[in-house]
Amino acid sequence: MAKATKPTDIRSKSADQLSTMLLDLRKEQFNLRFQRATGQTEGVGRVREVRRDIARVKTIMAEQHRSAAKS
């Protein structure tokens, strides 16, 4: 993922797509942490973007879970 994801884009995805997206973001976060530890980091701001994207996805997944539980 190159850019930060908008919440409206995330809300339009299914639960399976969200879990796949979360897995991809966590892999990217791991790789960025590994690059920073070895001194190979190029995009310093990307770590922050990925962390916030993970929070967005998890928040929307929780919202969908709560709304499904109410129904």
N, C-alpha and C. Protein backbone atom coordinates (compact mmCIF):
# COMPACT_ATOMS: atom_id res chain seq x y z
N MET A 1 0.84 -1.18 0.00
CA MET A 1 0.00 0.00 0.00
C MET A 1 0.88 1.24 0.00
N ALA A 2 0.59 2.12 -0.91
CA ALA A 2 1.44 3.28 -1.07
C ALA A 2 0.97 4.47 -0.24
N LYS A 3 -0.32 4.63 -0.12
CA LYS A 3 -0.85 5.80 0.59
C LYS A 3 -1.72 5.36 1.75
N ALA A 4 -1.96 6.30 2.66
CA ALA A 4 -2.87 6.04 3.75
C ALA A 4 -4.27 5.80 3.19
N THR A 5 -4.96 4.86 3.77
CA THR A 5 -6.26 4.47 3.28
C THR A 5 -7.35 5.30 3.95
N LYS A 6 -8.34 5.70 3.17
CA LYS A 6 -9.43 6.49 3.72
C LYS A 6 -10.46 5.57 4.37
N PRO A 7 -11.09 6.03 5.45
CA PRO A 7 -12.09 5.19 6.13
C PRO A 7 -13.25 4.79 5.23
N THR A 8 -13.65 5.63 4.30
CA THR A 8 -14.75 5.26 3.40
C THR A 8 -14.37 4.09 2.50
N ASP A 9 -13.11 4.03 2.10
CA ASP A 9 -12.63 2.91 1.29
C ASP A 9 -12.62 1.62 2.11
N ILE A 10 -12.26 1.74 3.37
CA ILE A 10 -12.18 0.57 4.24
C ILE A 10 -13.59 0.05 4.54
N ARG A 11 -14.53 0.95 4.78
CA ARG A 11 -15.90 0.54 5.12
C ARG A 11 -16.58 -0.23 3.99
N SER A 12 -16.16 0.00 2.76
CA SER A 12 -16.80 -0.65 1.62
C SER A 12 -16.32 -2.09 1.44
N LYS A 13 -15.35 -2.54 2.23
CA LYS A 13 -14.79 -3.89 2.07
C LYS A 13 -15.52 -4.89 2.96
N SER A 14 -15.46 -6.15 2.55
CA SER A 14 -16.07 -7.22 3.34
C SER A 14 -15.15 -7.59 4.51
N ALA A 15 -15.66 -8.43 5.40
CA ALA A 15 -14.88 -8.85 6.57
C ALA A 15 -13.63 -9.61 6.15
N ASP A 16 -13.75 -10.47 5.12
CA ASP A 16 -12.58 -11.21 4.64
C ASP A 16 -11.53 -10.28 4.05
N GLN A 17 -11.98 -9.29 3.31
CA GLN A 17 -11.04 -8.34 2.72
C GLN A 17 -10.35 -7.53 3.80
N LEU A 18 -11.10 -7.18 4.86
CA LEU A 18 -10.51 -6.42 5.95
C LEU A 18 -9.45 -7.24 6.69
N SER A 19 -9.73 -8.51 6.92
CA SER A 19 -8.73 -9.33 7.62
C SER A 19 -7.49 -9.53 6.76
N THR A 20 -7.67 -9.65 5.45
CA THR A 20 -6.53 -9.76 4.54
C THR A 20 -5.72 -8.46 4.54
N MET A 21 -6.44 -7.35 4.52
CA MET A 21 -5.79 -6.04 4.53
C MET A 21 -5.00 -5.85 5.83
N LEU A 22 -5.59 -6.27 6.95
CA LEU A 22 -4.91 -6.15 8.24
C LEU A 22 -3.64 -7.00 8.26
N LEU A 23 -3.72 -8.20 7.73
CA LEU A 23 -2.55 -9.08 7.67
C LEU A 23 -1.44 -8.45 6.82
N ASP A 24 -1.81 -7.89 5.67
CA ASP A 24 -0.83 -7.24 4.80
C ASP A 24 -0.18 -6.05 5.49
N LEU A 25 -0.98 -5.26 6.19
CA LEU A 25 -0.44 -4.09 6.90
C LEU A 25 0.51 -4.51 8.02
N ARG A 26 0.17 -5.57 8.73
CA ARG A 26 1.05 -6.05 9.79
C ARG A 26 2.36 -6.58 9.25
N LYS A 27 2.30 -7.23 8.09
CA LYS A 27 3.55 -7.70 7.44
C LYS A 27 4.41 -6.51 7.03
N GLU A 28 3.75 -5.49 6.47
CA GLU A 28 4.49 -4.29 6.07
C GLU A 28 5.10 -3.61 7.28
N GLN A 29 4.35 -3.55 8.37
CA GLN A 29 4.85 -2.94 9.60
C GLN A 29 6.09 -3.69 10.11
N PHE A 30 6.03 -5.01 10.07
CA PHE A 30 7.18 -5.82 10.49
C PHE A 30 8.39 -5.52 9.61
N ASN A 31 8.16 -5.48 8.29
CA ASN A 31 9.27 -5.21 7.37
C ASN A 31 9.87 -3.83 7.59
N LEU A 32 9.02 -2.84 7.85
CA LEU A 32 9.52 -1.49 8.09
C LEU A 32 10.32 -1.43 9.39
N ARG A 33 9.84 -2.15 10.42
CA ARG A 33 10.60 -2.20 11.68
C ARG A 33 11.95 -2.87 11.48
N PHE A 34 11.95 -3.92 10.69
CA PHE A 34 13.20 -4.64 10.41
C PHE A 34 14.16 -3.74 9.64
N GLN A 35 13.64 -3.01 8.66
CA GLN A 35 14.48 -2.09 7.89
C GLN A 35 15.06 -0.99 8.78
N ARG A 36 14.24 -0.49 9.70
CA ARG A 36 14.73 0.57 10.59
C ARG A 36 15.84 0.04 11.49
N ALA A 37 15.69 -1.19 11.95
CA ALA A 37 16.70 -1.78 12.83
C ALA A 37 18.01 -2.01 12.11
N THR A 38 17.95 -2.30 10.81
CA THR A 38 19.17 -2.54 10.05
C THR A 38 19.68 -1.28 9.36
N GLY A 39 18.98 -0.17 9.53
CA GLY A 39 19.43 1.10 8.97
C GLY A 39 19.13 1.27 7.49
N GLN A 40 18.15 0.56 6.97
CA GLN A 40 17.82 0.64 5.55
C GLN A 40 16.56 1.45 5.27
N THR A 41 16.06 2.16 6.26
CA THR A 41 14.79 2.88 6.11
C THR A 41 14.93 4.05 5.13
N GLU A 42 14.00 4.12 4.20
CA GLU A 42 13.97 5.25 3.27
C GLU A 42 12.81 6.18 3.61
N GLY A 43 11.60 5.62 3.73
CA GLY A 43 10.42 6.42 4.04
C GLY A 43 10.10 6.38 5.51
N VAL A 44 10.57 7.37 6.24
CA VAL A 44 10.40 7.40 7.68
C VAL A 44 8.92 7.56 8.06
N GLY A 45 8.18 8.34 7.30
CA GLY A 45 6.77 8.59 7.61
C GLY A 45 5.87 7.40 7.33
N ARG A 46 6.34 6.45 6.57
CA ARG A 46 5.51 5.28 6.22
C ARG A 46 5.19 4.44 7.46
N VAL A 47 6.09 4.40 8.43
CA VAL A 47 5.84 3.65 9.66
C VAL A 47 4.59 4.20 10.35
N ARG A 48 4.49 5.48 10.41
CA ARG A 48 3.34 6.14 11.04
C ARG A 48 2.07 5.88 10.26
N GLU A 49 2.14 5.96 8.93
CA GLU A 49 0.96 5.72 8.09
C GLU A 49 0.45 4.30 8.27
N VAL A 50 1.36 3.33 8.29
CA VAL A 50 0.96 1.93 8.43
C VAL A 50 0.31 1.71 9.79
N ARG A 51 0.91 2.28 10.83
CA ARG A 51 0.35 2.12 12.17
C ARG A 51 -1.06 2.68 12.25
N ARG A 52 -1.28 3.82 11.63
CA ARG A 52 -2.61 4.44 11.64
C ARG A 52 -3.60 3.67 10.77
N ASP A 53 -3.13 3.13 9.65
CA ASP A 53 -4.01 2.30 8.80
C ASP A 53 -4.45 1.05 9.56
N ILE A 54 -3.55 0.46 10.32
CA ILE A 54 -3.91 -0.71 11.12
C ILE A 54 -4.99 -0.33 12.12
N ALA A 55 -4.84 0.80 12.76
CA ALA A 55 -5.84 1.26 13.72
C ALA A 55 -7.18 1.50 13.04
N ARG A 56 -7.17 2.08 11.84
CA ARG A 56 -8.41 2.32 11.09
C ARG A 56 -9.13 1.02 10.78
N VAL A 57 -8.38 0.06 10.29
CA VAL A 57 -8.98 -1.22 9.92
C VAL A 57 -9.55 -1.92 11.15
N LYS A 58 -8.80 -1.93 12.24
CA LYS A 58 -9.28 -2.58 13.45
C LYS A 58 -10.51 -1.89 14.01
N THR A 59 -10.57 -0.57 13.93
CA THR A 59 -11.72 0.17 14.41
C THR A 59 -12.96 -0.16 13.60
N ILE A 60 -12.82 -0.18 12.30
CA ILE A 60 -13.96 -0.46 11.42
C ILE A 60 -14.40 -1.92 11.57
N MET A 61 -13.45 -2.84 11.77
CA MET A 61 -13.82 -4.23 12.02
C MET A 61 -14.63 -4.35 13.31
N ALA A 62 -14.24 -3.62 14.33
CA ALA A 62 -14.96 -3.65 15.60
C ALA A 62 -16.36 -3.05 15.44
N GLU A 63 -16.47 -1.95 14.68
CA GLU A 63 -17.78 -1.34 14.42
C GLU A 63 -18.70 -2.33 13.72
N GLN A 64 -18.17 -3.01 12.70
CA GLN A 64 -18.98 -3.97 11.97
C GLN A 64 -19.38 -5.14 12.86
N HIS A 65 -18.50 -5.55 13.73
CA HIS A 65 -18.80 -6.65 14.64
C HIS A 65 -19.92 -6.24 15.62
N ARG A 66 -19.82 -5.02 16.14
CA ARG A 66 -20.85 -4.52 17.06
C ARG A 66 -22.20 -4.39 16.37
N SER A 67 -22.21 -3.89 15.13
CA SER A 67 -23.48 -3.72 14.43
C SER A 67 -24.09 -5.08 14.07
N ALA A 68 -23.26 -6.07 13.78
CA ALA A 68 -23.76 -7.41 13.49
C ALA A 68 -24.32 -8.05 14.75
N ALA A 69 -23.75 -7.76 15.89
CA ALA A 69 -24.22 -8.33 17.15
C ALA A 69 -25.58 -7.75 17.55
N LYS A 70 -25.82 -6.48 17.22
CA LYS A 70 -27.09 -5.84 17.54
C LYS A 70 -28.23 -6.38 16.68
N SER A 71 -27.92 -6.76 15.47
CA SER A 71 -28.95 -7.22 14.54
C SER A 71 -29.48 -8.60 14.86
